[in-house]
Amino acid sequence: MSLPRPPRLLQALICCTLLAFGAHAAAQAVLRVTTIPEEAATEQIRKFTPLASYLEKQLGMKVEFTPVSDYPAAVESLVNKKVDVVWFGGFTFVQANLRSGGKIIPIAQREEDTRFQSVFIAKTDSGIKTLADMKGRQVSFGSQSSTSGHLMPRSFLLQANINPEKDFKRIAYSGAHDATIASVVSGKVDAAALDITVWRKFVAENKVDTKAVDVFFTTAPYFNYNWSVHADMPADLREKLKKALLDLSPATPEGKEILQLNRATRYIPTTPENYKGLEGAARSAGLL
């Protein structure tokens, strides 16, 4: 005996439910990735496309990389679960973790991020040789939310009894490390602070003439960048993602390319506790 067909309205509801479930499952089959825009969008895409391809193979799911317009957008994207994974600077991780009520989990950082540094640069004929020489000059930071381009340089300036708002003629924010270098090269500002690895990359690629513009101060080390996910990410996916990052090896052609593009020797585990010092520095600098 055949069972009676459900009413048409119920059939429609069942159909919609199945369609919604299918759309949800499809959405879960895509890992959405973004990064803070520390460099131009074209450079971000160049750096992270090989990593996305690698993760697709390791995770068995599609990986989409989408650049965002600024640092706050990267924070909000993960807090609001518009993306699944973000490459944060230490300060943006702190901001996201506070903004989410402690729901952002850092899963991996480069070995270099355990002892990161910022550099201050100026034209070699500017007469600027020390932090104190910057007084009365025009100075640029990167993004206001940048760890290596703003927070930590500002922190070291304050430790040296230099108050940027009072002691500098003008403060500019370039928005990205490559733009910071350009602002000094072009003479828009007299000095600037940025990520040491971006500076080294520009020097290695002969994109800056160190006879004309060079480093005059390097900060002490601090913790910086990491890959972070939202606590609501399924634990098994989080662990697979973490393992994929930790398994990257310079001994393989693929691993070597990805690590070189990401200016890393290897990825290592990290924890929220590693960024407590940055949170303290941000509070002392009045940035939180």
C-alpha atoms as a PDB file:
ATOM      1  CA  MET A   1       0.000   0.000   0.000  1.00  0.00           C
ATOM      2  CA  SER A   2       1.428   3.339  -1.000  1.00  0.00           C
ATOM      3  CA  LEU A   3       1.763   6.073   1.581  1.00  0.00           C
ATOM      4  CA  PRO A   4      -0.295   9.240   1.052  1.00  0.00           C
ATOM      5  CA  ARG A   5       1.541  12.139  -0.521  1.00  0.00           C
ATOM      6  CA  PRO A   6       2.173  15.061   1.845  1.00  0.00           C
ATOM      7  CA  PRO A   7       0.274  18.287   1.171  1.00  0.00           C
ATOM      8  CA  ARG A   8       1.796  20.570  -1.455  1.00  0.00           C
ATOM      9  CA  LEU A   9       2.785  23.197   1.120  1.00  0.00           C
ATOM     10  CA  LEU A  10       4.650  20.563   3.128  1.00  0.00           C
ATOM     11  CA  GLN A  11       6.322  19.296  -0.056  1.00  0.00           C
ATOM     12  CA  ALA A  12       7.482  22.831  -0.808  1.00  0.00           C
ATOM     13  CA  LEU A  13       8.850  23.279   2.714  1.00  0.00           C
ATOM     14  CA  ILE A  14      10.738  19.973   2.516  1.00  0.00           C
ATOM     15  CA  CYS A  15      12.146  20.982  -0.861  1.00  0.00           C
ATOM     16  CA  CYS A  16      13.275  24.371   0.453  1.00  0.00           C
ATOM     17  CA  THR A  17      14.841  22.747   3.501  1.00  0.00           C
ATOM     18  CA  LEU A  18      16.822  20.322   1.333  1.00  0.00           C
ATOM     19  CA  LEU A  19      17.922  23.132  -0.947  1.00  0.00           C
ATOM     20  CA  ALA A  20      19.011  25.230   2.032  1.00  0.00           C
ATOM     21  CA  PHE A  21      20.885  22.268   3.479  1.00  0.00           C
ATOM     22  CA  GLY A  22      22.600  21.713   0.138  1.00  0.00           C
ATOM     23  CA  ALA A  23      23.580  25.376  -0.108  1.00  0.00           C
ATOM     24  CA  HIS A  24      24.923  25.268   3.466  1.00  0.00           C
ATOM     25  CA  ALA A  25      26.948  22.149   2.694  1.00  0.00           C
ATOM     26  CA  ALA A  26      28.315  23.781  -0.450  1.00  0.00           C
ATOM     27  CA  ALA A  27      29.246  26.880   1.521  1.00  0.00           C
ATOM     28  CA  GLN A  28      31.082  24.724   4.054  1.00  0.00           C
ATOM     29  CA  ALA A  29      33.073  23.156   1.196  1.00  0.00           C
ATOM     30  CA  VAL A  30      34.855  26.489   0.614  1.00  0.00           C
ATOM     31  CA  LEU A  31      37.567  27.836   2.901  1.00  0.00           C
ATOM     32  CA  ARG A  32      37.539  31.634   2.704  1.00  0.00           C
ATOM     33  CA  VAL A  33      40.907  33.282   3.352  1.00  0.00           C
ATOM     34  CA  THR A  34      42.056  36.879   3.600  1.00  0.00           C
ATOM     35  CA  THR A  35      45.000  38.837   4.989  1.00  0.00           C
ATOM     36  CA  ILE A  36      45.709  42.269   6.371  1.00  0.00           C
ATOM     37  CA  PRO A  37      46.680  44.465   3.384  1.00  0.00           C
ATOM     38  CA  GLU A  38      50.298  44.996   4.420  1.00  0.00           C
ATOM     39  CA  GLU A  39      51.233  45.254   0.728  1.00  0.00           C
ATOM     40  CA  ALA A  40      49.435  45.970  -2.550  1.00  0.00           C
ATOM     41  CA  ALA A  41      46.568  43.595  -3.444  1.00  0.00           C
ATOM     42  CA  THR A  42      48.460  42.266  -6.466  1.00  0.00           C
ATOM     43  CA  GLU A  43      51.383  41.303  -4.216  1.00  0.00           C
ATOM     44  CA  GLN A  44      49.071  39.642  -1.695  1.00  0.00           C
ATOM     45  CA  ILE A  45      47.493  37.538  -4.445  1.00  0.00           C
ATOM     46  CA  ARG A  46      50.937  36.580  -5.810  1.00  0.00           C
ATOM     47  CA  LYS A  47      52.090  35.528  -2.333  1.00  0.00           C
ATOM     48  CA  PHE A  48      49.046  33.551  -1.272  1.00  0.00           C
ATOM     49  CA  THR A  49      47.840  31.879  -4.494  1.00  0.00           C
ATOM     50  CA  PRO A  50      50.361  28.987  -4.228  1.00  0.00           C
ATOM     51  CA  LEU A  51      49.397  28.529  -0.561  1.00  0.00           C
ATOM     52  CA  ALA A  52      45.712  28.387  -1.509  1.00  0.00           C
ATOM     53  CA  SER A  53      46.456  25.667  -4.075  1.00  0.00           C
ATOM     54  CA  TYR A  54      48.417  23.700  -1.474  1.00  0.00           C
ATOM     55  CA  LEU A  55      45.635  23.971   1.106  1.00  0.00           C
ATOM     56  CA  GLU A  56      43.037  22.807  -1.427  1.00  0.00           C
ATOM     57  CA  LYS A  57      44.981  19.561  -1.849  1.00  0.00           C
ATOM     58  CA  GLN A  58      45.618  19.087   1.859  1.00  0.00           C
ATOM     59  CA  LEU A  59      42.075  19.886   3.006  1.00  0.00           C
ATOM     60  CA  GLY A  60      40.136  18.473   0.054  1.00  0.00           C
ATOM     61  CA  MET A  61      38.098  21.641  -0.347  1.00  0.00           C
ATOM     62  CA  LYS A  62      38.077  24.800  -2.426  1.00  0.00           C
ATOM     63  CA  VAL A  63      40.105  27.713  -1.037  1.00  0.00           C
ATOM     64  CA  GLU A  64      39.193  31.270  -1.996  1.00  0.00           C
ATOM     65  CA  PHE A  65      41.536  34.182  -1.314  1.00  0.00           C
ATOM     66  CA  THR A  66      39.984  37.656  -1.327  1.00  0.00           C
ATOM     67  CA  PRO A  67      41.973  40.831  -0.496  1.00  0.00           C
ATOM     68  CA  VAL A  68      40.327  43.375   1.820  1.00  0.00           C
ATOM     69  CA  SER A  69      40.588  47.150   1.664  1.00  0.00           C
ATOM     70  CA  ASP A  70      42.188  47.866   5.031  1.00  0.00           C
ATOM     71  CA  TYR A  71      43.279  46.378   8.355  1.00  0.00           C
ATOM     72  CA  PRO A  72      39.950  46.956  10.202  1.00  0.00           C
ATOM     73  CA  ALA A  73      38.154  45.126   7.372  1.00  0.00           C
ATOM     74  CA  ALA A  74      40.308  42.043   7.996  1.00  0.00           C
ATOM     75  CA  VAL A  75      39.408  42.162  11.697  1.00  0.00           C
ATOM     76  CA  GLU A  76      35.673  42.520  11.054  1.00  0.00           C
ATOM     77  CA  SER A  77      35.700  39.802   8.382  1.00  0.00           C
ATOM     78  CA  LEU A  78      36.806  37.122  10.841  1.00  0.00           C
ATOM     79  CA  VAL A  79      34.884  38.447  13.852  1.00  0.00           C
ATOM     80  CA  ASN A  80      31.681  38.335  11.780  1.00  0.00           C
ATOM     81  CA  LYS A  81      32.656  35.012  10.135  1.00  0.00           C
ATOM     82  CA  LYS A  82      32.617  36.452   6.630  1.00  0.00           C
ATOM     83  CA  VAL A  83      35.909  34.577   6.142  1.00  0.00           C
ATOM     84  CA  ASP A  84      37.321  31.470   7.832  1.00  0.00           C
ATOM     85  CA  VAL A  85      41.035  32.225   8.075  1.00  0.00           C
ATOM     86  CA  VAL A  86      42.991  35.482   8.308  1.00  0.00           C
ATOM     87  CA  TRP A  87      46.679  36.328   8.221  1.00  0.00           C
ATOM     88  CA  PHE A  88      46.838  38.865  11.046  1.00  0.00           C
ATOM     89  CA  GLY A  89      49.562  41.062  12.429  1.00  0.00           C
ATOM     90  CA  GLY A  90      49.956  40.717  16.189  1.00  0.00           C
ATOM     91  CA  PHE A  91      47.984  43.902  16.868  1.00  0.00           C
ATOM     92  CA  THR A  92      45.101  43.020  14.520  1.00  0.00           C
ATOM     93  CA  PHE A  93      44.910  39.619  16.222  1.00  0.00           C
ATOM     94  CA  VAL A  94      44.626  41.405  19.584  1.00  0.00           C
ATOM     95  CA  GLN A  95      41.929  43.709  18.178  1.00  0.00           C
ATOM     96  CA  ALA A  96      39.971  40.797  16.685  1.00  0.00           C
ATOM     97  CA  ASN A  97      40.235  38.729  19.851  1.00  0.00           C
ATOM     98  CA  LEU A  98      38.980  41.586  22.024  1.00  0.00           C
ATOM     99  CA  ARG A  99      36.274  42.502  19.502  1.00  0.00           C
ATOM    100  CA  SER A 100      34.994  38.888  19.455  1.00  0.00           C
ATOM    101  CA  GLY A 101      35.079  38.336  23.200  1.00  0.00           C
ATOM    102  CA  GLY A 102      38.024  35.936  23.017  1.00  0.00           C
ATOM    103  CA  LYS A 103      36.752  33.821  20.111  1.00  0.00           C
ATOM    104  CA  ILE A 104      39.720  34.231  17.757  1.00  0.00           C
ATOM    105  CA  ILE A 105      42.251  31.398  17.836  1.00  0.00           C
ATOM    106  CA  PRO A 106      45.797  31.803  16.465  1.00  0.00           C
ATOM    107  CA  ILE A 107      46.900  28.458  15.025  1.00  0.00           C
ATOM    108  CA  ALA A 108      50.318  29.065  13.456  1.00  0.00           C
ATOM    109  CA  GLN A 109      53.003  31.691  13.019  1.00  0.00           C
ATOM    110  CA  ARG A 110      56.265  31.858  11.132  1.00  0.00           C
ATOM    111  CA  GLU A 111      59.345  31.043  13.150  1.00  0.00           C
ATOM    112  CA  GLU A 112      60.427  34.621  12.370  1.00  0.00           C
ATOM    113  CA  ASP A 113      57.358  35.953  14.185  1.00  0.00           C
ATOM    114  CA  THR A 114      58.735  34.927  17.577  1.00  0.00           C
ATOM    115  CA  ARG A 115      61.450  37.578  17.238  1.00  0.00           C
ATOM    116  CA  PHE A 116      60.050  40.135  14.823  1.00  0.00           C
ATOM    117  CA  GLN A 117      61.436  43.657  14.442  1.00  0.00           C
ATOM    118  CA  SER A 118      60.584  47.019  12.909  1.00  0.00           C
ATOM    119  CA  VAL A 119      62.993  49.381  11.200  1.00  0.00           C
ATOM    120  CA  PHE A 120      63.061  53.163  10.907  1.00  0.00           C
ATOM    121  CA  ILE A 121      64.332  54.484   7.577  1.00  0.00           C
ATOM    122  CA  ALA A 122      65.347  57.907   6.244  1.00  0.00           C
ATOM    123  CA  LYS A 123      67.306  59.405   3.381  1.00  0.00           C
ATOM    124  CA  THR A 124      71.002  58.994   4.079  1.00  0.00           C
ATOM    125  CA  ASP A 125      71.616  62.716   3.572  1.00  0.00           C
ATOM    126  CA  SER A 126      68.736  63.773   5.856  1.00  0.00           C
ATOM    127  CA  GLY A 127      70.853  64.121   8.979  1.00  0.00           C
ATOM    128  CA  ILE A 128      68.584  61.630  10.771  1.00  0.00           C
ATOM    129  CA  LYS A 129      70.767  59.090  12.568  1.00  0.00           C
ATOM    130  CA  THR A 130      68.833  58.485  15.817  1.00  0.00           C
ATOM    131  CA  LEU A 131      65.221  58.467  16.985  1.00  0.00           C
ATOM    132  CA  ALA A 132      65.781  61.866  18.622  1.00  0.00           C
ATOM    133  CA  ASP A 133      66.806  63.301  15.239  1.00  0.00           C
ATOM    134  CA  MET A 134      63.218  62.744  14.042  1.00  0.00           C
ATOM    135  CA  LYS A 135      61.935  65.574  16.255  1.00  0.00           C
ATOM    136  CA  GLY A 136      60.491  68.392  14.175  1.00  0.00           C
ATOM    137  CA  ARG A 137      60.372  66.182  11.067  1.00  0.00           C
ATOM    138  CA  GLN A 138      57.596  64.664   8.946  1.00  0.00           C
ATOM    139  CA  VAL A 139      57.220  60.974   9.778  1.00  0.00           C
ATOM    140  CA  SER A 140      55.132  58.160   8.323  1.00  0.00           C
ATOM    141  CA  PHE A 141      53.782  54.986   9.894  1.00  0.00           C
ATOM    142  CA  GLY A 142      51.956  52.256   7.948  1.00  0.00           C
ATOM    143  CA  SER A 143      48.365  51.444   8.815  1.00  0.00           C
ATOM    144  CA  GLN A 144      47.185  52.676  12.196  1.00  0.00           C
ATOM    145  CA  SER A 145      46.372  49.030  13.014  1.00  0.00           C
ATOM    146  CA  SER A 146      49.771  47.723  11.906  1.00  0.00           C
ATOM    147  CA  THR A 147      51.946  46.022  14.533  1.00  0.00           C
ATOM    148  CA  SER A 148      55.318  46.499  12.851  1.00  0.00           C
ATOM    149  CA  GLY A 149      54.354  49.685  10.998  1.00  0.00           C
ATOM    150  CA  HIS A 150      52.760  51.590  13.870  1.00  0.00           C
ATOM    151  CA  LEU A 151      52.100  50.009  17.282  1.00  0.00           C
ATOM    152  CA  MET A 152      55.599  48.759  18.068  1.00  0.00           C
ATOM    153  CA  PRO A 153      57.485  51.701  16.477  1.00  0.00           C
ATOM    154  CA  ARG A 154      55.258  54.045  18.496  1.00  0.00           C
ATOM    155  CA  SER A 155      55.904  51.975  21.624  1.00  0.00           C
ATOM    156  CA  PHE A 156      59.674  52.218  21.189  1.00  0.00           C
ATOM    157  CA  LEU A 157      59.413  55.955  20.499  1.00  0.00           C
ATOM    158  CA  LEU A 158      57.475  56.457  23.735  1.00  0.00           C
ATOM    159  CA  GLN A 159      60.109  54.430  25.610  1.00  0.00           C
ATOM    160  CA  ALA A 160      62.678  56.882  24.216  1.00  0.00           C
ATOM    161  CA  ASN A 161      60.578  59.785  25.576  1.00  0.00           C
ATOM    162  CA  ILE A 162      59.459  60.832  22.095  1.00  0.00           C
ATOM    163  CA  ASN A 163      55.769  61.673  21.707  1.00  0.00           C
ATOM    164  CA  PRO A 164      54.866  61.554  17.989  1.00  0.00           C
ATOM    165  CA  GLU A 165      51.924  63.955  18.313  1.00  0.00           C
ATOM    166  CA  LYS A 166      54.008  66.540  20.155  1.00  0.00           C
ATOM    167  CA  ASP A 167      57.501  66.012  18.748  1.00  0.00           C
ATOM    168  CA  PHE A 168      56.930  65.414  15.033  1.00  0.00           C
ATOM    169  CA  LYS A 169      56.063  68.178  12.574  1.00  0.00           C
ATOM    170  CA  ARG A 170      53.535  65.936  10.832  1.00  0.00           C
ATOM    171  CA  ILE A 171      52.392  62.306  11.091  1.00  0.00           C
ATOM    172  CA  ALA A 172      51.244  60.391   8.022  1.00  0.00           C
ATOM    173  CA  TYR A 173      49.790  56.902   7.673  1.00  0.00           C
ATOM    174  CA  SER A 174      50.673  55.230   4.385  1.00  0.00           C
ATOM    175  CA  GLY A 175      48.377  52.208   4.807  1.00  0.00           C
ATOM    176  CA  ALA A 176      50.971  49.624   3.696  1.00  0.00           C
ATOM    177  CA  HIS A 177      54.669  48.901   4.108  1.00  0.00           C
ATOM    178  CA  ASP A 178      55.564  49.273   0.417  1.00  0.00           C
ATOM    179  CA  ALA A 179      53.816  52.643   0.383  1.00  0.00           C
ATOM    180  CA  THR A 180      55.805  53.628   3.490  1.00  0.00           C
ATOM    181  CA  ILE A 181      59.085  53.043   1.678  1.00  0.00           C
ATOM    182  CA  ALA A 182      57.834  55.023  -1.320  1.00  0.00           C
ATOM    183  CA  SER A 183      56.903  57.968   0.910  1.00  0.00           C
ATOM    184  CA  VAL A 184      60.526  58.276   2.095  1.00  0.00           C
ATOM    185  CA  VAL A 185      62.048  57.687  -1.337  1.00  0.00           C
ATOM    186  CA  SER A 186      59.812  60.374  -2.865  1.00  0.00           C
ATOM    187  CA  GLY A 187      60.550  62.860  -0.085  1.00  0.00           C
ATOM    188  CA  LYS A 188      56.926  63.106   1.086  1.00  0.00           C
ATOM    189  CA  VAL A 189      58.192  62.406   4.602  1.00  0.00           C
ATOM    190  CA  ASP A 190      61.604  62.580   6.257  1.00  0.00           C
ATOM    191  CA  ALA A 191      61.504  59.240   8.073  1.00  0.00           C
ATOM    192  CA  ALA A 192      59.238  56.217   8.477  1.00  0.00           C
ATOM    193  CA  ALA A 193      58.768  52.907  10.284  1.00  0.00           C
ATOM    194  CA  LEU A 194      57.950  49.533   8.760  1.00  0.00           C
ATOM    195  CA  ASP A 195      58.164  45.728   8.823  1.00  0.00           C
ATOM    196  CA  ILE A 196      61.796  44.554   8.681  1.00  0.00           C
ATOM    197  CA  THR A 197      60.985  41.653   6.333  1.00  0.00           C
ATOM    198  CA  VAL A 198      59.368  43.944   3.744  1.00  0.00           C
ATOM    199  CA  TRP A 199      62.405  46.227   3.908  1.00  0.00           C
ATOM    200  CA  ARG A 200      64.767  43.272   3.417  1.00  0.00           C
ATOM    201  CA  LYS A 201      62.689  42.047   0.485  1.00  0.00           C
ATOM    202  CA  PHE A 202      62.871  45.459  -1.216  1.00  0.00           C
ATOM    203  CA  VAL A 203      66.627  45.576  -0.673  1.00  0.00           C
ATOM    204  CA  ALA A 204      67.124  42.000  -1.966  1.00  0.00           C
ATOM    205  CA  GLU A 205      65.054  42.753  -5.077  1.00  0.00           C
ATOM    206  CA  ASN A 206      66.929  46.048  -5.697  1.00  0.00           C
ATOM    207  CA  LYS A 207      63.697  48.026  -5.371  1.00  0.00           C
ATOM    208  CA  VAL A 208      65.356  50.588  -3.122  1.00  0.00           C
ATOM    209  CA  ASP A 209      68.793  52.229  -3.293  1.00  0.00           C
ATOM    210  CA  THR A 210      70.332  51.907   0.185  1.00  0.00           C
ATOM    211  CA  LYS A 211      72.844  54.606  -0.722  1.00  0.00           C
ATOM    212  CA  ALA A 212      69.915  57.014  -0.857  1.00  0.00           C
ATOM    213  CA  VAL A 213      67.535  55.566   1.762  1.00  0.00           C
ATOM    214  CA  ASP A 214      68.547  53.231   4.570  1.00  0.00           C
ATOM    215  CA  VAL A 215      67.787  51.980   8.086  1.00  0.00           C
ATOM    216  CA  PHE A 216      68.959  54.134  10.991  1.00  0.00           C
ATOM    217  CA  PHE A 217      67.221  52.280  13.859  1.00  0.00           C
ATOM    218  CA  THR A 218      66.072  48.689  14.418  1.00  0.00           C
ATOM    219  CA  THR A 219      63.772  47.813  17.314  1.00  0.00           C
ATOM    220  CA  ALA A 220      64.149  45.032  19.861  1.00  0.00           C
ATOM    221  CA  PRO A 221      62.301  41.766  18.997  1.00  0.00           C
ATOM    222  CA  TYR A 222      58.606  41.065  19.679  1.00  0.00           C
ATOM    223  CA  PHE A 223      55.905  38.543  18.646  1.00  0.00           C
ATOM    224  CA  ASN A 224      54.025  39.354  15.464  1.00  0.00           C
ATOM    225  CA  TYR A 225      52.002  37.792  12.632  1.00  0.00           C
ATOM    226  CA  ASN A 226      49.860  34.639  12.762  1.00  0.00           C
ATOM    227  CA  TRP A 227      47.172  32.653  10.964  1.00  0.00           C
ATOM    228  CA  SER A 228      43.946  32.862  12.964  1.00  0.00           C
ATOM    229  CA  VAL A 229      40.528  31.218  12.793  1.00  0.00           C
ATOM    230  CA  HIS A 230      37.207  31.754  14.572  1.00  0.00           C
ATOM    231  CA  ALA A 231      36.455  29.458  17.527  1.00  0.00           C
ATOM    232  CA  ASP A 232      33.290  28.336  15.716  1.00  0.00           C
ATOM    233  CA  MET A 233      35.330  26.605  13.002  1.00  0.00           C
ATOM    234  CA  PRO A 234      34.881  22.818  13.396  1.00  0.00           C
ATOM    235  CA  ALA A 235      37.745  21.434  15.485  1.00  0.00           C
ATOM    236  CA  ASP A 236      38.680  18.775  12.919  1.00  0.00           C
ATOM    237  CA  LEU A 237      39.003  21.371  10.132  1.00  0.00           C
ATOM    238  CA  ARG A 238      41.027  23.648  12.412  1.00  0.00           C
ATOM    239  CA  GLU A 239      43.454  20.826  13.196  1.00  0.00           C
ATOM    240  CA  LYS A 240      43.760  19.806   9.528  1.00  0.00           C
ATOM    241  CA  LEU A 241      44.481  23.422   8.584  1.00  0.00           C
ATOM    242  CA  LYS A 242      47.047  23.792  11.357  1.00  0.00           C
ATOM    243  CA  LYS A 243      48.759  20.539  10.346  1.00  0.00           C
ATOM    244  CA  ALA A 244      48.878  21.635   6.700  1.00  0.00           C
ATOM    245  CA  LEU A 245      50.675  24.855   7.676  1.00  0.00           C
ATOM    246  CA  LEU A 246      53.084  23.121  10.060  1.00  0.00           C
ATOM    247  CA  ASP A 247      53.865  20.461   7.438  1.00  0.00           C
ATOM    248  CA  LEU A 248      55.154  23.015   4.899  1.00  0.00           C
ATOM    249  CA  SER A 249      58.805  22.174   4.332  1.00  0.00           C
ATOM    250  CA  PRO A 250      61.592  23.893   2.399  1.00  0.00           C
ATOM    251  CA  ALA A 251      62.741  20.395   1.430  1.00  0.00           C
ATOM    252  CA  THR A 252      59.953  20.152  -1.175  1.00  0.00           C
ATOM    253  CA  PRO A 253      59.686  22.449  -4.235  1.00  0.00           C
ATOM    254  CA  GLU A 254      56.113  23.415  -3.345  1.00  0.00           C
ATOM    255  CA  GLY A 255      56.914  24.067   0.304  1.00  0.00           C
ATOM    256  CA  LYS A 256      60.028  26.034  -0.591  1.00  0.00           C
ATOM    257  CA  GLU A 257      58.085  28.315  -2.959  1.00  0.00           C
ATOM    258  CA  ILE A 258      55.288  28.970  -0.456  1.00  0.00           C
ATOM    259  CA  LEU A 259      57.634  29.627   2.462  1.00  0.00           C
ATOM    260  CA  GLN A 260      59.824  31.957   0.391  1.00  0.00           C
ATOM    261  CA  LEU A 261      56.785  33.922  -0.827  1.00  0.00           C
ATOM    262  CA  ASN A 262      55.601  34.235   2.774  1.00  0.00           C
ATOM    263  CA  ARG A 263      59.096  35.222   3.988  1.00  0.00           C
ATOM    264  CA  ALA A 264      59.193  32.215   6.307  1.00  0.00           C
ATOM    265  CA  THR A 265      61.653  29.460   7.181  1.00  0.00           C
ATOM    266  CA  ARG A 266      58.783  27.353   8.564  1.00  0.00           C
ATOM    267  CA  TYR A 267      55.484  27.622  10.436  1.00  0.00           C
ATOM    268  CA  ILE A 268      55.257  26.736  14.132  1.00  0.00           C
ATOM    269  CA  PRO A 269      52.342  26.539  16.635  1.00  0.00           C
ATOM    270  CA  THR A 270      51.339  29.677  18.543  1.00  0.00           C
ATOM    271  CA  THR A 271      48.970  30.622  21.377  1.00  0.00           C
ATOM    272  CA  PRO A 272      46.991  33.721  22.450  1.00  0.00           C
ATOM    273  CA  GLU A 273      49.390  34.182  25.381  1.00  0.00           C
ATOM    274  CA  ASN A 274      52.182  35.104  22.961  1.00  0.00           C
ATOM    275  CA  TYR A 275      50.329  38.351  22.169  1.00  0.00           C
ATOM    276  CA  LYS A 276      49.684  39.592  25.703  1.00  0.00           C
ATOM    277  CA  GLY A 277      52.806  41.780  25.471  1.00  0.00           C
ATOM    278  CA  LEU A 278      51.430  43.472  22.341  1.00  0.00           C
ATOM    279  CA  GLU A 279      48.112  44.069  24.059  1.00  0.00           C
ATOM    280  CA  GLY A 280      49.958  45.718  26.940  1.00  0.00           C
ATOM    281  CA  ALA A 281      52.000  47.847  24.541  1.00  0.00           C
ATOM    282  CA  ALA A 282      48.825  48.928  22.732  1.00  0.00           C
ATOM    283  CA  ARG A 283      47.149  49.939  25.981  1.00  0.00           C
ATOM    284  CA  SER A 284      50.250  51.865  27.095  1.00  0.00           C
ATOM    285  CA  ALA A 285      50.353  53.666  23.740  1.00  0.00           C
ATOM    286  CA  GLY A 286      46.679  54.586  24.007  1.00  0.00           C
ATOM    287  CA  LEU A 287      45.706  52.479  20.988  1.00  0.00           C
ATOM    288  CA  LEU A 288      43.230  50.261  22.858  1.00  0.00           C
END
